[in-house]
Amino acid sequence: MANVDTKTRTIISLKEPPLFKIIYLNDERTAVEFVISSLIEHFEYTADTAQAVTMNIHESGSAVVAVLPYEVAEQKGIEITVSARSEGYPLQIKLEPEAA
């Protein structure tokens, strides 16, 4: 009986991870200074940009502050929420899938 060599070819399809929007929701109790500092600390905004985004959140009721892969967005949301609660603020963060 003859030996037959069989070769197997595996095709791997890699895709970019889905992106999610991180949205800050306005409330009447979270200090403007806290929101500004969280944008600077967690998203590396400049002070001027963080202030402008914070005013947009206040005036519009919410604003997208970053678009990141899901796992990173989720971690940032958790970190900011924990920080807000430790300071006594009810800041709410929402994640939404970015439209394709």
PDB file of N, CA and C in Angstrom:
ATOM      1  N   MET A   1       0.840  -1.162   0.000  1.00  0.00           N
ATOM      2  CA  MET A   1       0.000   0.000   0.000  1.00  0.00           C
ATOM      3  C   MET A   1       0.893   1.235   0.000  1.00  0.00           C
ATOM      4  N   ALA A   2       0.546   2.233  -0.790  1.00  0.00           N
ATOM      5  CA  ALA A   2       1.358   3.436  -0.924  1.00  0.00           C
ATOM      6  C   ALA A   2       1.001   4.440   0.160  1.00  0.00           C
ATOM      7  N   ASN A   3       2.022   5.153   0.612  1.00  0.00           N
ATOM      8  CA  ASN A   3       1.794   6.241   1.576  1.00  0.00           C
ATOM      9  C   ASN A   3       1.309   7.473   0.830  1.00  0.00           C
ATOM     10  N   VAL A   4       0.290   8.096   1.342  1.00  0.00           N
ATOM     11  CA  VAL A   4      -0.253   9.311   0.746  1.00  0.00           C
ATOM     12  C   VAL A   4      -0.110  10.433   1.771  1.00  0.00           C
ATOM     13  N   ASP A   5       0.559  11.498   1.334  1.00  0.00           N
ATOM     14  CA  ASP A   5       0.688  12.671   2.212  1.00  0.00           C
ATOM     15  C   ASP A   5      -0.491  13.604   1.958  1.00  0.00           C
ATOM     16  N   THR A   6      -1.183  13.949   3.023  1.00  0.00           N
ATOM     17  CA  THR A   6      -2.309  14.869   2.907  1.00  0.00           C
ATOM     18  C   THR A   6      -1.925  16.175   3.578  1.00  0.00           C
ATOM     19  N   LYS A   7      -2.115  17.269   2.852  1.00  0.00           N
ATOM     20  CA  LYS A   7      -1.826  18.585   3.417  1.00  0.00           C
ATOM     21  C   LYS A   7      -3.147  19.277   3.713  1.00  0.00           C
ATOM     22  N   THR A   8      -3.213  19.864   4.881  1.00  0.00           N
ATOM     23  CA  THR A   8      -4.404  20.592   5.288  1.00  0.00           C
ATOM     24  C   THR A   8      -4.072  22.076   5.275  1.00  0.00           C
ATOM     25  N   ARG A   9      -4.965  22.836   4.693  1.00  0.00           N
ATOM     26  CA  ARG A   9      -4.768  24.276   4.626  1.00  0.00           C
ATOM     27  C   ARG A   9      -5.854  24.956   5.464  1.00  0.00           C
ATOM     28  N   THR A  10      -5.421  25.754   6.417  1.00  0.00           N
ATOM     29  CA  THR A  10      -6.346  26.456   7.289  1.00  0.00           C
ATOM     30  C   THR A  10      -6.388  27.916   6.870  1.00  0.00           C
ATOM     31  N   ILE A  11      -7.581  28.409   6.660  1.00  0.00           N
ATOM     32  CA  ILE A  11      -7.751  29.814   6.303  1.00  0.00           C
ATOM     33  C   ILE A  11      -8.294  30.539   7.523  1.00  0.00           C
ATOM     34  N   ILE A  12      -7.553  31.550   7.937  1.00  0.00           N
ATOM     35  CA  ILE A  12      -7.950  32.336   9.104  1.00  0.00           C
ATOM     36  C   ILE A  12      -8.340  33.722   8.623  1.00  0.00           C
ATOM     37  N   SER A  13      -9.517  34.115   8.999  1.00  0.00           N
ATOM     38  CA  SER A  13     -10.003  35.432   8.623  1.00  0.00           C
ATOM     39  C   SER A  13      -9.986  36.320   9.858  1.00  0.00           C
ATOM     40  N   LEU A  14      -9.180  37.362   9.828  1.00  0.00           N
ATOM     41  CA  LEU A  14      -9.091  38.281  10.958  1.00  0.00           C
ATOM     42  C   LEU A  14      -9.853  39.549  10.629  1.00  0.00           C
ATOM     43  N   LYS A  15     -10.633  40.001  11.608  1.00  0.00           N
ATOM     44  CA  LYS A  15     -11.384  41.237  11.436  1.00  0.00           C
ATOM     45  C   LYS A  15     -11.034  42.184  12.580  1.00  0.00           C
ATOM     46  N   GLU A  16     -11.136  43.457  12.284  1.00  0.00           N
ATOM     47  CA  GLU A  16     -10.969  44.458  13.334  1.00  0.00           C
ATOM     48  C   GLU A  16     -12.072  44.250  14.368  1.00  0.00           C
ATOM     49  N   PRO A  17     -11.763  44.458  15.657  1.00  0.00           N
ATOM     50  CA  PRO A  17     -12.833  44.332  16.657  1.00  0.00           C
ATOM     51  C   PRO A  17     -13.863  45.446  16.444  1.00  0.00           C
ATOM     52  N   PRO A  18     -15.122  45.174  16.782  1.00  0.00           N
ATOM     53  CA  PRO A  18     -16.150  46.207  16.606  1.00  0.00           C
ATOM     54  C   PRO A  18     -15.873  47.404  17.516  1.00  0.00           C
ATOM     55  N   LEU A  19     -16.204  48.565  17.030  1.00  0.00           N
ATOM     56  CA  LEU A  19     -15.983  49.792  17.790  1.00  0.00           C
ATOM     57  C   LEU A  19     -17.268  50.211  18.503  1.00  0.00           C
ATOM     58  N   PHE A  20     -17.082  50.782  19.682  1.00  0.00           N
ATOM     59  CA  PHE A  20     -18.207  51.255  20.490  1.00  0.00           C
ATOM     60  C   PHE A  20     -17.988  52.698  20.898  1.00  0.00           C
ATOM     61  N   LYS A  21     -19.088  53.463  20.893  1.00  0.00           N
ATOM     62  CA  LYS A  21     -19.057  54.849  21.327  1.00  0.00           C
ATOM     63  C   LYS A  21     -19.196  54.892  22.845  1.00  0.00           C
ATOM     64  N   ILE A  22     -18.374  55.705  23.472  1.00  0.00           N
ATOM     65  CA  ILE A  22     -18.501  55.975  24.907  1.00  0.00           C
ATOM     66  C   ILE A  22     -19.240  57.308  25.019  1.00  0.00           C
ATOM     67  N   ILE A  23     -20.382  57.266  25.680  1.00  0.00           N
ATOM     68  CA  ILE A  23     -21.251  58.441  25.765  1.00  0.00           C
ATOM     69  C   ILE A  23     -21.411  58.859  27.231  1.00  0.00           C
ATOM     70  N   TYR A  24     -21.115  60.119  27.505  1.00  0.00           N
ATOM     71  CA  TYR A  24     -21.365  60.690  28.828  1.00  0.00           C
ATOM     72  C   TYR A  24     -22.778  61.262  28.807  1.00  0.00           C
ATOM     73  N   LEU A  25     -23.548  60.991  29.867  1.00  0.00           N
ATOM     74  CA  LEU A  25     -24.901  61.533  30.009  1.00  0.00           C
ATOM     75  C   LEU A  25     -24.891  62.653  31.051  1.00  0.00           C
ATOM     76  N   ASN A  26     -25.541  63.740  30.719  1.00  0.00           N
ATOM     77  CA  ASN A  26     -25.591  64.883  31.629  1.00  0.00           C
ATOM     78  C   ASN A  26     -26.474  64.577  32.837  1.00  0.00           C
ATOM     79  N   ASP A  27     -26.105  65.131  33.965  1.00  0.00           N
ATOM     80  CA  ASP A  27     -26.957  65.105  35.149  1.00  0.00           C
ATOM     81  C   ASP A  27     -26.723  66.420  35.886  1.00  0.00           C
ATOM     82  N   GLU A  28     -27.548  66.669  36.853  1.00  0.00           N
ATOM     83  CA  GLU A  28     -27.473  67.951  37.561  1.00  0.00           C
ATOM     84  C   GLU A  28     -26.555  67.930  38.778  1.00  0.00           C
ATOM     85  N   ARG A  29     -25.965  66.770  39.088  1.00  0.00           N
ATOM     86  CA  ARG A  29     -25.169  66.676  40.313  1.00  0.00           C
ATOM     87  C   ARG A  29     -23.683  66.468  40.099  1.00  0.00           C
ATOM     88  N   THR A  30     -23.282  65.911  38.972  1.00  0.00           N
ATOM     89  CA  THR A  30     -21.855  65.681  38.734  1.00  0.00           C
ATOM     90  C   THR A  30     -21.183  67.014  38.428  1.00  0.00           C
ATOM     91  N   ALA A  31     -20.107  67.304  39.143  1.00  0.00           N
ATOM     92  CA  ALA A  31     -19.402  68.576  38.978  1.00  0.00           C
ATOM     93  C   ALA A  31     -18.748  68.673  37.604  1.00  0.00           C
ATOM     94  N   VAL A  32     -18.848  69.849  37.023  1.00  0.00           N
ATOM     95  CA  VAL A  32     -18.222  70.119  35.728  1.00  0.00           C
ATOM     96  C   VAL A  32     -16.722  69.824  35.814  1.00  0.00           C
ATOM     97  N   GLU A  33     -16.103  70.193  36.916  1.00  0.00           N
ATOM     98  CA  GLU A  33     -14.668  69.974  37.096  1.00  0.00           C
ATOM     99  C   GLU A  33     -14.323  68.488  37.053  1.00  0.00           C
ATOM    100  N   PHE A  34     -15.210  67.655  37.621  1.00  0.00           N
ATOM    101  CA  PHE A  34     -14.961  66.214  37.584  1.00  0.00           C
ATOM    102  C   PHE A  34     -15.022  65.688  36.157  1.00  0.00           C
ATOM    103  N   VAL A  35     -16.016  66.117  35.404  1.00  0.00           N
ATOM    104  CA  VAL A  35     -16.162  65.664  34.009  1.00  0.00           C
ATOM    105  C   VAL A  35     -14.936  66.081  33.202  1.00  0.00           C
ATOM    106  N   ILE A  36     -14.518  67.321  33.346  1.00  0.00           N
ATOM    107  CA  ILE A  36     -13.339  67.816  32.631  1.00  0.00           C
ATOM    108  C   ILE A  36     -12.111  66.984  32.995  1.00  0.00           C
ATOM    109  N   SER A  37     -11.890  66.766  34.277  1.00  0.00           N
ATOM    110  CA  SER A  37     -10.699  66.011  34.697  1.00  0.00           C
ATOM    111  C   SER A  37     -10.758  64.558  34.231  1.00  0.00           C
ATOM    112  N   SER A  38     -11.955  63.965  34.181  1.00  0.00           N
ATOM    113  CA  SER A  38     -12.059  62.581  33.713  1.00  0.00           C
ATOM    114  C   SER A  38     -11.738  62.477  32.222  1.00  0.00           C
ATOM    115  N   LEU A  39     -12.145  63.470  31.445  1.00  0.00           N
ATOM    116  CA  LEU A  39     -11.830  63.476  30.014  1.00  0.00           C
ATOM    117  C   LEU A  39     -10.325  63.624  29.780  1.00  0.00           C
ATOM    118  N   ILE A  40      -9.693  64.456  30.590  1.00  0.00           N
ATOM    119  CA  ILE A  40      -8.243  64.644  30.474  1.00  0.00           C
ATOM    120  C   ILE A  40      -7.511  63.375  30.900  1.00  0.00           C
ATOM    121  N   GLU A  41      -7.915  62.823  32.028  1.00  0.00           N
ATOM    122  CA  GLU A  41      -7.220  61.644  32.588  1.00  0.00           C
ATOM    123  C   GLU A  41      -7.423  60.377  31.753  1.00  0.00           C
ATOM    124  N   HIS A  42      -8.651  60.102  31.342  1.00  0.00           N
ATOM    125  CA  HIS A  42      -8.951  58.828  30.695  1.00  0.00           C
ATOM    126  C   HIS A  42      -8.849  58.847  29.174  1.00  0.00           C
ATOM    127  N   PHE A  43      -8.953  60.048  28.577  1.00  0.00           N
ATOM    128  CA  PHE A  43      -8.949  60.115  27.109  1.00  0.00           C
ATOM    129  C   PHE A  43      -7.887  61.057  26.559  1.00  0.00           C
ATOM    130  N   GLU A  44      -7.059  61.598  27.455  1.00  0.00           N
ATOM    131  CA  GLU A  44      -5.950  62.466  27.066  1.00  0.00           C
ATOM    132  C   GLU A  44      -6.400  63.701  26.278  1.00  0.00           C
ATOM    133  N   TYR A  45      -7.562  64.234  26.645  1.00  0.00           N
ATOM    134  CA  TYR A  45      -8.024  65.484  26.050  1.00  0.00           C
ATOM    135  C   TYR A  45      -7.154  66.626  26.577  1.00  0.00           C
ATOM    136  N   THR A  46      -7.028  67.682  25.801  1.00  0.00           N
ATOM    137  CA  THR A  46      -6.417  68.898  26.332  1.00  0.00           C
ATOM    138  C   THR A  46      -7.449  69.558  27.237  1.00  0.00           C
ATOM    139  N   ALA A  47      -6.995  70.474  28.074  1.00  0.00           N
ATOM    140  CA  ALA A  47      -7.923  71.155  28.988  1.00  0.00           C
ATOM    141  C   ALA A  47      -9.001  71.910  28.212  1.00  0.00           C
ATOM    142  N   ASP A  48      -8.607  72.582  27.136  1.00  0.00           N
ATOM    143  CA  ASP A  48      -9.582  73.345  26.344  1.00  0.00           C
ATOM    144  C   ASP A  48     -10.609  72.432  25.677  1.00  0.00           C
ATOM    145  N   THR A  49     -10.138  71.331  25.105  1.00  0.00           N
ATOM    146  CA  THR A  49     -11.056  70.385  24.443  1.00  0.00           C
ATOM    147  C   THR A  49     -11.983  69.749  25.468  1.00  0.00           C
ATOM    148  N   ALA A  50     -11.441  69.354  26.610  1.00  0.00           N
ATOM    149  CA  ALA A  50     -12.257  68.738  27.660  1.00  0.00           C
ATOM    150  C   ALA A  50     -13.346  69.704  28.134  1.00  0.00           C
ATOM    151  N   GLN A  51     -12.999  70.968  28.250  1.00  0.00           N
ATOM    152  CA  GLN A  51     -13.991  71.959  28.678  1.00  0.00           C
ATOM    153  C   GLN A  51     -15.076  72.128  27.614  1.00  0.00           C
ATOM    154  N   ALA A  52     -14.691  72.166  26.346  1.00  0.00           N
ATOM    155  CA  ALA A  52     -15.669  72.320  25.266  1.00  0.00           C
ATOM    156  C   ALA A  52     -16.596  71.110  25.191  1.00  0.00           C
ATOM    157  N   VAL A  53     -16.052  69.909  25.338  1.00  0.00           N
ATOM    158  CA  VAL A  53     -16.867  68.685  25.304  1.00  0.00           C
ATOM    159  C   VAL A  53     -17.812  68.660  26.503  1.00  0.00           C
ATOM    160  N   THR A  54     -17.320  69.064  27.659  1.00  0.00           N
ATOM    161  CA  THR A  54     -18.157  69.102  28.864  1.00  0.00           C
ATOM    162  C   THR A  54     -19.331  70.061  28.677  1.00  0.00           C
ATOM    163  N   MET A  55     -19.095  71.210  28.082  1.00  0.00           N
ATOM    164  CA  MET A  55     -20.186  72.156  27.822  1.00  0.00           C
ATOM    165  C   MET A  55     -21.179  71.565  26.823  1.00  0.00           C
ATOM    166  N   ASN A  56     -20.690  70.824  25.847  1.00  0.00           N
ATOM    167  CA  ASN A  56     -21.561  70.146  24.886  1.00  0.00           C
ATOM    168  C   ASN A  56     -22.432  69.102  25.592  1.00  0.00           C
ATOM    169  N   ILE A  57     -21.846  68.340  26.503  1.00  0.00           N
ATOM    170  CA  ILE A  57     -22.606  67.351  27.282  1.00  0.00           C
ATOM    171  C   ILE A  57     -23.705  68.064  28.067  1.00  0.00           C
ATOM    172  N   HIS A  58     -23.347  69.155  28.717  1.00  0.00           N
ATOM    173  CA  HIS A  58     -24.297  69.904  29.545  1.00  0.00           C
ATOM    174  C   HIS A  58     -25.452  70.479  28.709  1.00  0.00           C
ATOM    175  N   GLU A  59     -25.116  71.040  27.563  1.00  0.00           N
ATOM    176  CA  GLU A  59     -26.126  71.690  26.730  1.00  0.00           C
ATOM    177  C   GLU A  59     -26.971  70.708  25.929  1.00  0.00           C
ATOM    178  N   SER A  60     -26.360  69.603  25.481  1.00  0.00           N
ATOM    179  CA  SER A  60     -27.064  68.636  24.620  1.00  0.00           C
ATOM    180  C   SER A  60     -27.676  67.468  25.386  1.00  0.00           C
ATOM    181  N   GLY A  61     -27.242  67.276  26.618  1.00  0.00           N
ATOM    182  CA  GLY A  61     -27.749  66.158  27.410  1.00  0.00           C
ATOM    183  C   GLY A  61     -26.864  64.930  27.357  1.00  0.00           C
ATOM    184  N   SER A  62     -26.037  64.841  26.313  1.00  0.00           N
ATOM    185  CA  SER A  62     -25.084  63.734  26.207  1.00  0.00           C
ATOM    186  C   SER A  62     -24.119  64.048  25.077  1.00  0.00           C
ATOM    187  N   ALA A  63     -22.994  63.312  25.058  1.00  0.00           N
ATOM    188  CA  ALA A  63     -22.034  63.481  23.965  1.00  0.00           C
ATOM    189  C   ALA A  63     -21.138  62.255  23.891  1.00  0.00           C
ATOM    190  N   VAL A  64     -20.762  61.913  22.674  1.00  0.00           N
ATOM    191  CA  VAL A  64     -19.787  60.847  22.458  1.00  0.00           C
ATOM    192  C   VAL A  64     -18.422  61.434  22.786  1.00  0.00           C
ATOM    193  N   VAL A  65     -17.697  60.765  23.685  1.00  0.00           N
ATOM    194  CA  VAL A  65     -16.385  61.269  24.090  1.00  0.00           C
ATOM    195  C   VAL A  65     -15.244  60.456  23.504  1.00  0.00           C
ATOM    196  N   ALA A  66     -15.539  59.239  23.009  1.00  0.00           N
ATOM    197  CA  ALA A  66     -14.508  58.405  22.387  1.00  0.00           C
ATOM    198  C   ALA A  66     -15.188  57.264  21.651  1.00  0.00           C
ATOM    199  N   VAL A  67     -14.471  56.693  20.698  1.00  0.00           N
ATOM    200  CA  VAL A  67     -14.912  55.498  19.984  1.00  0.00           C
ATOM    201  C   VAL A  67     -13.735  54.520  20.033  1.00  0.00           C
ATOM    202  N   LEU A  68     -13.978  53.377  20.693  1.00  0.00           N
ATOM    203  CA  LEU A  68     -12.903  52.421  20.961  1.00  0.00           C
ATOM    204  C   LEU A  68     -13.404  50.992  20.784  1.00  0.00           C
ATOM    205  N   PRO A  69     -12.476  50.029  20.664  1.00  0.00           N
ATOM    206  CA  PRO A  69     -12.907  48.622  20.657  1.00  0.00           C
ATOM    207  C   PRO A  69     -13.697  48.317  21.939  1.00  0.00           C
ATOM    208  N   TYR A  70     -14.646  47.382  21.846  1.00  0.00           N
ATOM    209  CA  TYR A  70     -15.569  47.124  22.946  1.00  0.00           C
ATOM    210  C   TYR A  70     -14.879  46.925  24.292  1.00  0.00           C
ATOM    211  N   GLU A  71     -13.875  46.058  24.342  1.00  0.00           N
ATOM    212  CA  GLU A  71     -13.235  45.737  25.622  1.00  0.00           C
ATOM    213  C   GLU A  71     -12.598  46.970  26.252  1.00  0.00           C
ATOM    214  N   VAL A  72     -11.979  47.799  25.430  1.00  0.00           N
ATOM    215  CA  VAL A  72     -11.351  49.024  25.934  1.00  0.00           C
ATOM    216  C   VAL A  72     -12.426  50.011  26.386  1.00  0.00           C
ATOM    217  N   ALA A  73     -13.473  50.167  25.591  1.00  0.00           N
ATOM    218  CA  ALA A  73     -14.572  51.074  25.944  1.00  0.00           C
ATOM    219  C   ALA A  73     -15.227  50.642  27.250  1.00  0.00           C
ATOM    220  N   GLU A  74     -15.464  49.344  27.386  1.00  0.00           N
ATOM    221  CA  GLU A  74     -16.079  48.833  28.615  1.00  0.00           C
ATOM    222  C   GLU A  74     -15.193  49.112  29.832  1.00  0.00           C
ATOM    223  N   GLN A  75     -13.895  48.869  29.698  1.00  0.00           N
ATOM    224  CA  GLN A  75     -12.973  49.102  30.811  1.00  0.00           C
ATOM    225  C   GLN A  75     -12.935  50.579  31.193  1.00  0.00           C
ATOM    226  N   LYS A  76     -12.876  51.459  30.187  1.00  0.00           N
ATOM    227  CA  LYS A  76     -12.876  52.903  30.465  1.00  0.00           C
ATOM    228  C   LYS A  76     -14.170  53.299  31.182  1.00  0.00           C
ATOM    229  N   GLY A  77     -15.297  52.783  30.708  1.00  0.00           N
ATOM    230  CA  GLY A  77     -16.580  53.084  31.333  1.00  0.00           C
ATOM    231  C   GLY A  77     -16.612  52.674  32.789  1.00  0.00           C
ATOM    232  N   ILE A  78     -16.090  51.498  33.072  1.00  0.00           N
ATOM    233  CA  ILE A  78     -16.042  51.005  34.460  1.00  0.00           C
ATOM    234  C   ILE A  78     -15.138  51.887  35.309  1.00  0.00           C
ATOM    235  N   GLU A  79     -13.951  52.195  34.793  1.00  0.00           N
ATOM    236  CA  GLU A  79     -13.004  53.014  35.555  1.00  0.00           C
ATOM    237  C   GLU A  79     -13.585  54.392  35.882  1.00  0.00           C
ATOM    238  N   ILE A  80     -14.224  55.012  34.912  1.00  0.00           N
ATOM    239  CA  ILE A  80     -14.790  56.345  35.122  1.00  0.00           C
ATOM    240  C   ILE A  80     -15.963  56.286  36.098  1.00  0.00           C
ATOM    241  N   THR A  81     -16.808  55.255  35.952  1.00  0.00           N
ATOM    242  CA  THR A  81     -17.950  55.110  36.862  1.00  0.00           C
ATOM    243  C   THR A  81     -17.476  54.893  38.294  1.00  0.00           C
ATOM    244  N   VAL A  82     -16.473  54.053  38.494  1.00  0.00           N
ATOM    245  CA  VAL A  82     -15.933  53.814  39.838  1.00  0.00           C
ATOM    246  C   VAL A  82     -15.363  55.110  40.409  1.00  0.00           C
ATOM    247  N   SER A  83     -14.638  55.854  39.591  1.00  0.00           N
ATOM    248  CA  SER A  83     -14.065  57.123  40.025  1.00  0.00           C
ATOM    249  C   SER A  83     -15.165  58.112  40.404  1.00  0.00           C
ATOM    250  N   ALA A  84     -16.212  58.190  39.576  1.00  0.00           N
ATOM    251  CA  ALA A  84     -17.328  59.098  39.862  1.00  0.00           C
ATOM    252  C   ALA A  84     -18.002  58.725  41.178  1.00  0.00           C
ATOM    253  N   ARG A  85     -18.265  57.442  41.367  1.00  0.00           N
ATOM    254  CA  ARG A  85     -18.951  57.013  42.594  1.00  0.00           C
ATOM    255  C   ARG A  85     -18.086  57.279  43.826  1.00  0.00           C
ATOM    256  N   SER A  86     -16.772  57.091  43.688  1.00  0.00           N
ATOM    257  CA  SER A  86     -15.902  57.332  44.840  1.00  0.00           C
ATOM    258  C   SER A  86     -15.885  58.808  45.228  1.00  0.00           C
ATOM    259  N   GLU A  87     -16.227  59.678  44.272  1.00  0.00           N
ATOM    260  CA  GLU A  87     -16.313  61.114  44.543  1.00  0.00           C
ATOM    261  C   GLU A  87     -17.744  61.533  44.891  1.00  0.00           C
ATOM    262  N   GLY A  88     -18.678  60.579  44.850  1.00  0.00           N
ATOM    263  CA  GLY A  88     -20.065  60.876  45.188  1.00  0.00           C
ATOM    264  C   GLY A  88     -20.902  61.401  44.032  1.00  0.00           C
ATOM    265  N   TYR A  89     -20.462  61.194  42.790  1.00  0.00           N
ATOM    266  CA  TYR A  89     -21.185  61.693  41.622  1.00  0.00           C
ATOM    267  C   TYR A  89     -21.951  60.571  40.924  1.00  0.00           C
ATOM    268  N   PRO A  90     -23.139  60.893  40.397  1.00  0.00           N
ATOM    269  CA  PRO A  90     -23.962  59.880  39.718  1.00  0.00           C
ATOM    270  C   PRO A  90     -23.720  59.794  38.203  1.00  0.00           C
ATOM    271  N   LEU A  91     -22.585  60.275  37.720  1.00  0.00           N
ATOM    272  CA  LEU A  91     -22.308  60.288  36.283  1.00  0.00           C
ATOM    273  C   LEU A  91     -22.620  58.939  35.652  1.00  0.00           C
ATOM    274  N   GLN A  92     -23.368  58.976  34.550  1.00  0.00           N
ATOM    275  CA  GLN A  92     -23.725  57.761  33.819  1.00  0.00           C
ATOM    276  C   GLN A  92     -22.947  57.730  32.508  1.00  0.00           C
ATOM    277  N   ILE A  93     -22.439  56.534  32.187  1.00  0.00           N
ATOM    278  CA  ILE A  93     -21.704  56.303  30.949  1.00  0.00           C
ATOM    279  C   ILE A  93     -22.472  55.234  30.179  1.00  0.00           C
ATOM    280  N   LYS A  94     -22.642  55.459  28.891  1.00  0.00           N
ATOM    281  CA  LYS A  94     -23.360  54.505  28.057  1.00  0.00           C
ATOM    282  C   LYS A  94     -22.444  54.088  26.902  1.00  0.00           C
ATOM    283  N   LEU A  95     -22.508  52.800  26.534  1.00  0.00           N
ATOM    284  CA  LEU A  95     -21.778  52.302  25.366  1.00  0.00           C
ATOM    285  C   LEU A  95     -22.781  51.952  24.288  1.00  0.00           C
ATOM    286  N   GLU A  96     -22.477  52.353  23.058  1.00  0.00           N
ATOM    287  CA  GLU A  96     -23.316  52.006  21.915  1.00  0.00           C
ATOM    288  C   GLU A  96     -22.423  51.561  20.772  1.00  0.00           C
ATOM    289  N   PRO A  97     -22.845  50.542  20.024  1.00  0.00           N
ATOM    290  CA  PRO A  97     -22.040  50.144  18.862  1.00  0.00           C
ATOM    291  C   PRO A  97     -21.997  51.269  17.840  1.00  0.00           C
ATOM    292  N   GLU A  98     -20.835  51.435  17.248  1.00  0.00           N
ATOM    293  CA  GLU A  98     -20.729  52.442  16.182  1.00  0.00           C
ATOM    294  C   GLU A  98     -21.363  51.882  14.930  1.00  0.00           C
ATOM    295  N   ALA A  99     -22.131  52.709  14.254  1.00  0.00           N
ATOM    296  CA  ALA A  99     -22.780  52.261  13.024  1.00  0.00           C
ATOM    297  C   ALA A  99     -21.727  51.926  11.978  1.00  0.00           C
ATOM    298  N   ALA A 100     -21.945  50.840  11.272  1.00  0.00           N
ATOM    299  CA  ALA A 100     -20.961  50.398  10.286  1.00  0.00           C
ATOM    300  C   ALA A 100     -20.951  51.279   9.071  1.00  0.00           C
TER     301      ALA A 100
END
